[in-house]
Amino acid sequence: MLRVSETTFVEAGMTGVTFFIVELGIVGKIIDVFLVKC
């Protein structure tokens, strides 16, 4: 049971990190577009 919980926690953490990186990339692209337009 403990191993399952740890595995789920690690998977959730990896998903969170990936999502954060993707969000950061999207924000970066929006900023780039905004700067180019200005």
N, C-alpha and C. Protein backbone atom coordinates (compact mmCIF):
# COMPACT_ATOMS: atom_id res chain seq x y z
N MET A 1 0.85 -1.21 0.00
CA MET A 1 0.00 0.00 0.00
C MET A 1 0.88 1.25 0.00
N LEU A 2 1.95 1.21 0.79
CA LEU A 2 2.84 2.37 0.89
C LEU A 2 3.52 2.62 -0.45
N ARG A 3 3.94 1.51 -1.10
CA ARG A 3 4.62 1.64 -2.39
C ARG A 3 3.67 2.24 -3.43
N VAL A 4 2.41 1.82 -3.40
CA VAL A 4 1.43 2.35 -4.35
C VAL A 4 1.26 3.85 -4.12
N SER A 5 1.19 4.24 -2.87
CA SER A 5 1.01 5.66 -2.55
C SER A 5 2.21 6.47 -3.03
N GLU A 6 3.41 5.93 -2.80
CA GLU A 6 4.63 6.64 -3.22
C GLU A 6 4.69 6.77 -4.74
N THR A 7 4.31 5.68 -5.42
CA THR A 7 4.33 5.70 -6.89
C THR A 7 3.34 6.73 -7.41
N THR A 8 2.15 6.77 -6.82
CA THR A 8 1.12 7.72 -7.25
C THR A 8 1.61 9.15 -7.01
N PHE A 9 2.26 9.34 -5.87
CA PHE A 9 2.78 10.68 -5.53
C PHE A 9 3.83 11.11 -6.53
N VAL A 10 4.72 10.19 -6.90
CA VAL A 10 5.79 10.50 -7.86
C VAL A 10 5.18 10.82 -9.22
N GLU A 11 4.19 10.01 -9.64
CA GLU A 11 3.54 10.25 -10.93
C GLU A 11 2.84 11.60 -10.93
N ALA A 12 2.17 11.92 -9.84
CA ALA A 12 1.47 13.20 -9.73
C ALA A 12 2.48 14.34 -9.78
N GLY A 13 3.61 14.16 -9.13
CA GLY A 13 4.65 15.17 -9.12
C GLY A 13 5.21 15.39 -10.51
N MET A 14 5.48 14.30 -11.24
CA MET A 14 6.00 14.41 -12.60
C MET A 14 4.99 15.11 -13.50
N THR A 15 3.72 14.75 -13.34
CA THR A 15 2.67 15.39 -14.15
C THR A 15 2.61 16.88 -13.84
N GLY A 16 2.72 17.23 -12.57
CA GLY A 16 2.68 18.62 -12.17
C GLY A 16 3.85 19.40 -12.76
N VAL A 17 5.03 18.79 -12.73
CA VAL A 17 6.22 19.46 -13.27
C VAL A 17 6.07 19.66 -14.78
N THR A 18 5.60 18.61 -15.45
CA THR A 18 5.41 18.69 -16.91
C THR A 18 4.41 19.78 -17.24
N PHE A 19 3.29 19.80 -16.50
CA PHE A 19 2.25 20.80 -16.74
C PHE A 19 2.80 22.20 -16.51
N PHE A 20 3.62 22.34 -15.45
CA PHE A 20 4.20 23.64 -15.14
C PHE A 20 5.12 24.11 -16.27
N ILE A 21 5.93 23.19 -16.80
CA ILE A 21 6.85 23.54 -17.88
C ILE A 21 6.06 23.96 -19.12
N VAL A 22 4.99 23.21 -19.41
CA VAL A 22 4.16 23.52 -20.58
C VAL A 22 3.52 24.90 -20.40
N GLU A 23 2.98 25.14 -19.21
CA GLU A 23 2.36 26.44 -18.93
C GLU A 23 3.39 27.56 -19.08
N LEU A 24 4.58 27.33 -18.56
CA LEU A 24 5.64 28.33 -18.62
C LEU A 24 5.99 28.61 -20.08
N GLY A 25 6.02 27.55 -20.90
CA GLY A 25 6.33 27.72 -22.32
C GLY A 25 5.25 28.53 -23.02
N ILE A 26 3.98 28.26 -22.68
CA ILE A 26 2.87 29.00 -23.30
C ILE A 26 2.95 30.48 -22.91
N VAL A 27 3.20 30.74 -21.64
CA VAL A 27 3.32 32.13 -21.17
C VAL A 27 4.47 32.82 -21.89
N GLY A 28 5.58 32.09 -22.05
CA GLY A 28 6.74 32.65 -22.74
C GLY A 28 6.40 33.03 -24.18
N LYS A 29 5.64 32.15 -24.87
CA LYS A 29 5.26 32.43 -26.25
C LYS A 29 4.35 33.65 -26.32
N ILE A 30 3.41 33.76 -25.37
CA ILE A 30 2.49 34.90 -25.34
C ILE A 30 3.29 36.19 -25.15
N ILE A 31 4.27 36.16 -24.24
CA ILE A 31 5.09 37.34 -23.98
C ILE A 31 5.88 37.70 -25.24
N ASP A 32 6.44 36.68 -25.92
CA ASP A 32 7.20 36.94 -27.15
C ASP A 32 6.31 37.60 -28.19
N VAL A 33 5.11 37.08 -28.38
CA VAL A 33 4.18 37.64 -29.37
C VAL A 33 3.84 39.08 -29.00
N PHE A 34 3.59 39.30 -27.70
CA PHE A 34 3.24 40.64 -27.23
C PHE A 34 4.38 41.63 -27.51
N LEU A 35 5.62 41.21 -27.24
CA LEU A 35 6.78 42.08 -27.47
C LEU A 35 6.96 42.36 -28.96
N VAL A 36 6.73 41.35 -29.78
CA VAL A 36 6.89 41.53 -31.23
C VAL A 36 5.85 42.51 -31.75
N LYS A 37 4.62 42.41 -31.26
CA LYS A 37 3.55 43.30 -31.72
C LYS A 37 3.82 44.74 -31.28
N CYS A 38 4.43 44.89 -30.10
CA CYS A 38 4.71 46.24 -29.62
C CYS A 38 5.99 46.75 -30.28
